[in-house]
């Protein structure tokens, strides 16, 4: 797997985990983490298709 694609996938997981861990602080943290993680997953797909 390419380095940049792997980085985006790792960052996607980190966004989801951060959203879940901040749920007691802010109820919207899960939604923000989900959408940030989804955006990073899409960036990983684009990065893979472009060959980065």
C-alpha atoms as a PDB file:
ATOM      1  CA  UNK A   1       0.000   0.000   0.000  1.00  0.00           C
ATOM      2  CA  UNK A   2       1.196   3.479  -0.746  1.00  0.00           C
ATOM      3  CA  UNK A   3       2.376   5.727   2.074  1.00  0.00           C
ATOM      4  CA  UNK A   4      -0.051   8.577   1.494  1.00  0.00           C
ATOM      5  CA  UNK A   5      -3.033   6.240   1.138  1.00  0.00           C
ATOM      6  CA  UNK A   6      -2.085   4.463   4.358  1.00  0.00           C
ATOM      7  CA  UNK A   7      -1.728   7.830   6.083  1.00  0.00           C
ATOM      8  CA  UNK A   8      -5.222   8.890   5.054  1.00  0.00           C
ATOM      9  CA  UNK A   9      -6.649   5.594   6.265  1.00  0.00           C
ATOM     10  CA  UNK A  10      -4.881   5.953   9.604  1.00  0.00           C
ATOM     11  CA  UNK A  11      -6.091   9.553   9.957  1.00  0.00           C
ATOM     12  CA  UNK A  12      -9.629   8.378   9.169  1.00  0.00           C
ATOM     13  CA  UNK A  13      -9.502   5.902  12.046  1.00  0.00           C
ATOM     14  CA  UNK A  14      -8.054   8.559  14.337  1.00  0.00           C
ATOM     15  CA  UNK A  15     -10.914  10.958  13.515  1.00  0.00           C
ATOM     16  CA  UNK A  16     -13.507   8.304  14.280  1.00  0.00           C
ATOM     17  CA  UNK A  17     -11.809   7.351  17.544  1.00  0.00           C
ATOM     18  CA  UNK A  18     -11.462  10.989  18.595  1.00  0.00           C
ATOM     19  CA  UNK A  19     -15.144  11.606  17.893  1.00  0.00           C
ATOM     20  CA  UNK A  20     -16.138   8.638  20.034  1.00  0.00           C
ATOM     21  CA  UNK A  21     -13.826   9.600  22.876  1.00  0.00           C
ATOM     22  CA  UNK A  22     -15.117  13.201  22.959  1.00  0.00           C
ATOM     23  CA  UNK A  23     -18.761  12.138  23.104  1.00  0.00           C
ATOM     24  CA  UNK A  24     -19.160  12.947  26.838  1.00  0.00           C
ATOM     25  CA  UNK A  25     -17.801  16.456  26.228  1.00  0.00           C
ATOM     26  CA  UNK A  26     -19.880  17.314  23.185  1.00  0.00           C
ATOM     27  CA  UNK A  27     -22.845  15.369  21.819  1.00  0.00           C
ATOM     28  CA  UNK A  28     -22.000  16.441  18.255  1.00  0.00           C
ATOM     29  CA  UNK A  29     -18.456  15.076  18.462  1.00  0.00           C
ATOM     30  CA  UNK A  30     -19.542  11.682  17.142  1.00  0.00           C
ATOM     31  CA  UNK A  31     -21.091  13.240  14.042  1.00  0.00           C
ATOM     32  CA  UNK A  32     -18.090  15.466  13.423  1.00  0.00           C
ATOM     33  CA  UNK A  33     -15.738  12.516  13.886  1.00  0.00           C
ATOM     34  CA  UNK A  34     -17.817  10.363  11.556  1.00  0.00           C
ATOM     35  CA  UNK A  35     -17.916  12.916   8.757  1.00  0.00           C
ATOM     36  CA  UNK A  36     -14.222  13.789   9.163  1.00  0.00           C
ATOM     37  CA  UNK A  37     -13.378  10.091   9.074  1.00  0.00           C
ATOM     38  CA  UNK A  38     -15.565   9.585   6.010  1.00  0.00           C
ATOM     39  CA  UNK A  39     -13.873  12.499   4.247  1.00  0.00           C
ATOM     40  CA  UNK A  40     -10.455  11.025   5.036  1.00  0.00           C
ATOM     41  CA  UNK A  41     -11.578   7.635   3.747  1.00  0.00           C
ATOM     42  CA  UNK A  42     -12.664   9.263   0.484  1.00  0.00           C
ATOM     43  CA  UNK A  43      -9.315  11.032   0.306  1.00  0.00           C
ATOM     44  CA  UNK A  44      -7.613   7.650   0.744  1.00  0.00           C
ATOM     45  CA  UNK A  45      -9.599   6.221  -2.175  1.00  0.00           C
ATOM     46  CA  UNK A  46      -8.715   9.188  -4.397  1.00  0.00           C
ATOM     47  CA  UNK A  47      -5.073   8.963  -3.315  1.00  0.00           C
ATOM     48  CA  UNK A  48      -5.009   5.269  -4.186  1.00  0.00           C
ATOM     49  CA  UNK A  49      -6.621   5.824  -7.577  1.00  0.00           C
ATOM     50  CA  UNK A  50      -4.225   8.651  -8.441  1.00  0.00           C
ATOM     51  CA  UNK A  51      -1.259   6.516  -7.423  1.00  0.00           C
ATOM     52  CA  UNK A  52       0.057   8.476  -4.439  1.00  0.00           C
END
